[in-house]
C-alpha atoms as a PDB file:
ATOM      1  CA  MET A   1     -47.540  23.148  17.942  1.00  0.00           C
ATOM      2  CA  SER A   2     -50.183  21.575  20.156  1.00  0.00           C
ATOM      3  CA  SER A   3     -51.164  24.985  21.524  1.00  0.00           C
ATOM      4  CA  SER A   4     -52.067  26.420  18.093  1.00  0.00           C
ATOM      5  CA  SER A   5     -55.664  27.144  17.289  1.00  0.00           C
ATOM      6  CA  LEU A   6     -57.824  28.482  14.489  1.00  0.00           C
ATOM      7  CA  GLU A   7     -61.087  30.333  15.061  1.00  0.00           C
ATOM      8  CA  ILE A   8     -63.339  31.095  12.073  1.00  0.00           C
ATOM      9  CA  THR A   9     -66.161  33.568  12.406  1.00  0.00           C
ATOM     10  CA  GLU A  10     -68.496  35.094   9.862  1.00  0.00           C
ATOM     11  CA  LYS A  11     -66.135  38.045   9.232  1.00  0.00           C
ATOM     12  CA  GLU A  12     -62.630  36.951  10.219  1.00  0.00           C
ATOM     13  CA  TYR A  13     -60.064  34.253  10.841  1.00  0.00           C
ATOM     14  CA  LEU A  14     -58.143  34.159  14.082  1.00  0.00           C
ATOM     15  CA  ILE A  15     -54.996  32.051  14.203  1.00  0.00           C
ATOM     16  CA  LYS A  16     -53.266  31.585  17.543  1.00  0.00           C
ATOM     17  CA  LEU A  17     -49.715  30.237  17.524  1.00  0.00           C
ATOM     18  CA  LYS A  18     -47.381  29.621  20.365  1.00  0.00           C
ATOM     19  CA  ARG A  19     -44.605  32.199  20.252  1.00  0.00           C
ATOM     20  CA  SER A  20     -41.862  29.750  21.082  1.00  0.00           C
ATOM     21  CA  ASP A  21     -42.848  27.588  18.060  1.00  0.00           C
ATOM     22  CA  PHE A  22     -42.816  30.350  15.422  1.00  0.00           C
ATOM     23  CA  ASP A  23     -40.638  33.412  14.987  1.00  0.00           C
ATOM     24  CA  LEU A  24     -42.037  36.744  13.831  1.00  0.00           C
ATOM     25  CA  SER A  25     -40.169  36.752  10.497  1.00  0.00           C
ATOM     26  CA  PHE A  26     -41.865  33.494   9.549  1.00  0.00           C
ATOM     27  CA  ILE A  27     -45.268  34.902  10.433  1.00  0.00           C
ATOM     28  CA  ASN A  28     -44.626  38.040   8.376  1.00  0.00           C
ATOM     29  CA  LEU A  29     -43.511  35.922   5.423  1.00  0.00           C
ATOM     30  CA  LEU A  30     -46.593  33.724   5.737  1.00  0.00           C
ATOM     31  CA  LEU A  31     -48.962  36.701   5.873  1.00  0.00           C
ATOM     32  CA  SER A  32     -47.361  38.407   2.850  1.00  0.00           C
ATOM     33  CA  ARG A  33     -47.590  35.173   0.901  1.00  0.00           C
ATOM     34  CA  ILE A  34     -51.253  34.803   1.713  1.00  0.00           C
ATOM     35  CA  GLN A  35     -51.932  38.410   0.665  1.00  0.00           C
ATOM     36  CA  SER A  36     -50.076  37.998  -2.614  1.00  0.00           C
ATOM     37  CA  GLU A  37     -52.004  34.773  -3.357  1.00  0.00           C
ATOM     38  CA  VAL A  38     -55.312  36.636  -2.748  1.00  0.00           C
ATOM     39  CA  ILE A  39     -54.270  39.470  -5.085  1.00  0.00           C
ATOM     40  CA  LEU A  40     -53.154  37.013  -7.777  1.00  0.00           C
ATOM     41  CA  SER A  41     -56.335  35.003  -7.484  1.00  0.00           C
ATOM     42  CA  SER A  42     -58.430  38.146  -7.832  1.00  0.00           C
ATOM     43  CA  PHE A  43     -56.477  39.245 -10.894  1.00  0.00           C
ATOM     44  CA  ILE A  44     -56.864  35.838 -12.577  1.00  0.00           C
ATOM     45  CA  HIS A  45     -60.585  35.821 -11.853  1.00  0.00           C
ATOM     46  CA  GLU A  46     -60.956  39.284 -13.459  1.00  0.00           C
ATOM     47  CA  GLN A  47     -59.022  38.134 -16.521  1.00  0.00           C
ATOM     48  CA  ARG A  48     -61.273  35.110 -16.959  1.00  0.00           C
ATOM     49  CA  GLU A  49     -64.359  37.289 -16.750  1.00  0.00           C
ATOM     50  CA  ASP A  50     -62.962  39.689 -19.357  1.00  0.00           C
ATOM     51  CA  ARG A  51     -62.319  36.817 -21.780  1.00  0.00           C
ATOM     52  CA  HIS A  52     -65.884  35.519 -21.522  1.00  0.00           C
ATOM     53  CA  SER A  53     -67.676  38.873 -21.836  1.00  0.00           C
ATOM     54  CA  PRO A  54     -68.476  40.261 -25.282  1.00  0.00           C
ATOM     55  CA  PRO A  55     -66.424  43.275 -26.427  1.00  0.00           C
ATOM     56  CA  THR A  56     -68.103  46.546 -25.722  1.00  0.00           C
ATOM     57  CA  ASN A  57     -68.376  49.236 -28.344  1.00  0.00           C
ATOM     58  CA  LEU A  58     -69.469  52.668 -27.166  1.00  0.00           C
ATOM     59  CA  SER A  59     -70.735  53.727 -30.628  1.00  0.00           C
ATOM     60  CA  GLY A  60     -73.305  50.891 -30.661  1.00  0.00           C
ATOM     61  CA  GLU A  61     -71.983  49.580 -33.973  1.00  0.00           C
ATOM     62  CA  ASP A  62     -70.866  46.036 -34.613  1.00  0.00           C
ATOM     63  CA  PRO A  63     -67.020  46.096 -34.543  1.00  0.00           C
ATOM     64  CA  LEU A  64     -66.808  43.170 -37.003  1.00  0.00           C
ATOM     65  CA  PHE A  65     -68.449  45.015 -39.901  1.00  0.00           C
ATOM     66  CA  ASP A  66     -67.657  48.259 -41.697  1.00  0.00           C
ATOM     67  CA  ARG A  67     -70.255  50.904 -42.185  1.00  0.00           C
ATOM     68  CA  ILE A  68     -71.598  51.492 -45.700  1.00  0.00           C
ATOM     69  CA  ASP A  69     -70.785  55.176 -45.246  1.00  0.00           C
ATOM     70  CA  ASP A  70     -67.083  54.280 -45.038  1.00  0.00           C
ATOM     71  CA  LYS A  71     -67.099  52.848 -48.620  1.00  0.00           C
END
């Protein structure tokens, strides 16, 4: 694996691997794992943001209290 390299630019990552050291099925598996980790991380981040934001009510009323008109 001495001929492997990683190049990081402002917009992309370029990983160069020697073909004889890695087979294509391993590379495909690695890429799909990375993509699934990114999707999961994004989902978890969205869930955390939702928990910390106050509930929205489109009517503008406080959801914790009844209206006097309802009594």
